[in-house]
């Protein structure tokens, strides 16, 4: 199995509603781990040329 992890990714999002005088967070922190079965991975080797571009995800 292969695993991709994002830890403490800061997301500036307005989630939910807050009462007057409530503390509203500046950012939300995301911890995400995804496990992928090795036979579903489409690159043969782990090298810089095969790194995915995560800019769109972030």
N, C-alpha and C. Protein backbone atom coordinates (compact mmCIF):
# COMPACT_ATOMS: atom_id res chain seq x y z
N UNK A 1 0.84 -1.18 0.00
CA UNK A 1 0.00 0.00 0.00
C UNK A 1 0.88 1.24 0.00
N UNK A 2 0.43 2.26 -0.71
CA UNK A 2 1.10 3.56 -0.71
C UNK A 2 0.22 4.54 0.04
N UNK A 3 0.83 5.49 0.71
CA UNK A 3 0.08 6.44 1.51
C UNK A 3 0.52 7.86 1.20
N UNK A 4 -0.44 8.75 1.04
CA UNK A 4 -0.20 10.18 0.88
C UNK A 4 -0.77 10.86 2.12
N UNK A 5 0.04 11.71 2.75
CA UNK A 5 -0.43 12.39 3.96
C UNK A 5 -0.27 13.89 3.83
N UNK A 6 -1.27 14.60 4.28
CA UNK A 6 -1.21 16.05 4.45
C UNK A 6 -1.38 16.29 5.94
N UNK A 7 -0.47 17.02 6.54
CA UNK A 7 -0.56 17.27 7.97
C UNK A 7 -0.54 18.76 8.23
N UNK A 8 -1.48 19.21 9.04
CA UNK A 8 -1.58 20.60 9.47
C UNK A 8 -1.67 21.56 8.28
N UNK A 9 -2.41 21.16 7.24
CA UNK A 9 -2.65 22.03 6.11
C UNK A 9 -3.60 23.13 6.55
N UNK A 10 -3.18 24.38 6.43
CA UNK A 10 -4.00 25.49 6.89
C UNK A 10 -4.95 25.93 5.78
N UNK A 11 -6.24 25.93 6.10
CA UNK A 11 -7.27 26.31 5.14
C UNK A 11 -8.01 27.52 5.70
N UNK A 12 -7.95 28.62 4.97
CA UNK A 12 -8.68 29.82 5.37
C UNK A 12 -10.09 29.70 4.80
N UNK A 13 -11.00 29.20 5.61
CA UNK A 13 -12.38 28.97 5.15
C UNK A 13 -13.35 29.44 6.22
N UNK A 14 -14.50 29.86 5.78
CA UNK A 14 -15.57 30.23 6.71
C UNK A 14 -16.55 29.06 6.74
N UNK A 15 -16.47 28.28 7.79
CA UNK A 15 -17.29 27.08 7.93
C UNK A 15 -18.24 27.28 9.10
N UNK A 16 -19.53 27.16 8.85
CA UNK A 16 -20.52 27.27 9.91
C UNK A 16 -20.89 28.71 10.21
N UNK A 17 -21.67 28.87 11.26
CA UNK A 17 -22.07 30.20 11.73
C UNK A 17 -21.65 30.36 13.17
N UNK A 18 -21.43 31.59 13.58
CA UNK A 18 -20.95 31.85 14.92
C UNK A 18 -21.83 32.90 15.58
N UNK A 19 -22.07 32.72 16.84
CA UNK A 19 -22.87 33.68 17.61
C UNK A 19 -22.08 34.96 17.81
N UNK A 20 -22.78 36.07 18.06
CA UNK A 20 -22.06 37.31 18.34
C UNK A 20 -21.08 37.12 19.51
N UNK A 21 -19.93 37.73 19.41
CA UNK A 21 -18.87 37.66 20.42
C UNK A 21 -18.20 36.28 20.52
N UNK A 22 -18.46 35.39 19.56
CA UNK A 22 -17.78 34.08 19.54
C UNK A 22 -16.38 34.26 18.95
N UNK A 23 -15.51 33.35 19.30
CA UNK A 23 -14.18 33.33 18.71
C UNK A 23 -14.28 32.62 17.36
N UNK A 24 -13.94 33.32 16.29
CA UNK A 24 -14.00 32.75 14.94
C UNK A 24 -12.57 32.39 14.53
N UNK A 25 -12.33 31.13 14.16
CA UNK A 25 -10.96 30.73 13.81
C UNK A 25 -10.47 31.43 12.55
N UNK A 26 -9.18 31.77 12.53
CA UNK A 26 -8.56 32.36 11.33
C UNK A 26 -8.37 31.31 10.25
N UNK A 27 -7.99 30.12 10.67
CA UNK A 27 -7.77 29.01 9.73
C UNK A 27 -8.29 27.72 10.35
N UNK A 28 -8.56 26.76 9.50
CA UNK A 28 -8.89 25.40 9.94
C UNK A 28 -7.70 24.53 9.54
N UNK A 29 -7.36 23.58 10.39
CA UNK A 29 -6.24 22.68 10.11
C UNK A 29 -6.77 21.34 9.61
N UNK A 30 -6.18 20.85 8.53
CA UNK A 30 -6.60 19.58 7.94
C UNK A 30 -5.48 18.57 8.05
N UNK A 31 -5.78 17.43 8.61
CA UNK A 31 -4.89 16.26 8.59
C UNK A 31 -5.61 15.22 7.74
N UNK A 32 -4.95 14.75 6.69
CA UNK A 32 -5.58 13.81 5.77
C UNK A 32 -4.58 12.73 5.39
N UNK A 33 -4.99 11.50 5.45
CA UNK A 33 -4.15 10.39 5.00
C UNK A 33 -4.96 9.54 4.04
N UNK A 34 -4.39 9.27 2.88
CA UNK A 34 -5.04 8.44 1.88
C UNK A 34 -4.14 7.27 1.58
N UNK A 35 -4.67 6.08 1.64
CA UNK A 35 -3.92 4.87 1.33
C UNK A 35 -4.41 4.34 -0.02
N UNK A 36 -3.46 4.02 -0.88
CA UNK A 36 -3.78 3.57 -2.23
C UNK A 36 -3.14 2.21 -2.45
N UNK A 37 -3.92 1.27 -2.97
CA UNK A 37 -3.38 -0.05 -3.28
C UNK A 37 -2.29 0.09 -4.33
N UNK A 38 -1.19 -0.59 -4.14
CA UNK A 38 -0.03 -0.46 -5.02
C UNK A 38 -0.37 -0.72 -6.49
N UNK A 39 -1.26 -1.63 -6.78
CA UNK A 39 -1.59 -1.94 -8.18
C UNK A 39 -2.38 -0.82 -8.87
N UNK A 40 -2.88 0.15 -8.10
CA UNK A 40 -3.61 1.28 -8.68
C UNK A 40 -2.72 2.50 -8.94
N UNK A 41 -1.47 2.45 -8.50
CA UNK A 41 -0.55 3.57 -8.69
C UNK A 41 -0.05 3.53 -10.13
N UNK A 42 -0.11 4.70 -10.80
CA UNK A 42 0.18 4.71 -12.23
C UNK A 42 1.62 5.08 -12.58
N UNK A 43 2.47 5.34 -11.59
CA UNK A 43 3.88 5.61 -11.89
C UNK A 43 4.70 4.40 -11.45
N UNK A 44 5.70 4.09 -12.24
CA UNK A 44 6.51 2.88 -11.98
C UNK A 44 7.50 3.06 -10.84
N UNK A 45 8.07 4.28 -10.72
CA UNK A 45 9.09 4.53 -9.70
C UNK A 45 8.80 5.82 -8.97
N UNK A 46 9.30 5.92 -7.77
CA UNK A 46 9.16 7.13 -6.97
C UNK A 46 10.36 8.03 -7.23
N UNK A 47 10.19 8.99 -8.15
CA UNK A 47 11.26 9.92 -8.46
C UNK A 47 10.65 11.29 -8.74
N UNK A 48 11.47 12.32 -8.69
CA UNK A 48 10.99 13.69 -8.81
C UNK A 48 10.15 13.91 -10.06
N UNK A 49 10.52 13.34 -11.17
CA UNK A 49 9.78 13.53 -12.43
C UNK A 49 8.35 12.99 -12.34
N UNK A 50 8.10 12.08 -11.42
CA UNK A 50 6.78 11.48 -11.31
C UNK A 50 5.92 12.07 -10.21
N UNK A 51 6.39 13.16 -9.59
CA UNK A 51 5.65 13.76 -8.49
C UNK A 51 4.42 14.49 -9.03
N UNK A 52 3.29 14.27 -8.37
CA UNK A 52 2.06 14.94 -8.77
C UNK A 52 2.11 16.41 -8.37
N UNK A 53 1.38 17.24 -9.07
CA UNK A 53 1.28 18.66 -8.77
C UNK A 53 0.11 18.85 -7.82
N UNK A 54 0.39 19.18 -6.55
CA UNK A 54 -0.65 19.32 -5.54
C UNK A 54 -1.21 20.74 -5.45
N UNK A 55 -0.73 21.66 -6.28
CA UNK A 55 -1.18 23.04 -6.22
C UNK A 55 -2.70 23.17 -6.35
N UNK A 56 -3.30 22.41 -7.23
CA UNK A 56 -4.76 22.48 -7.40
C UNK A 56 -5.48 21.99 -6.16
N UNK A 57 -4.94 20.98 -5.49
CA UNK A 57 -5.55 20.47 -4.27
C UNK A 57 -5.52 21.52 -3.17
N UNK A 58 -4.36 22.17 -3.03
CA UNK A 58 -4.20 23.17 -1.98
C UNK A 58 -4.99 24.40 -2.34
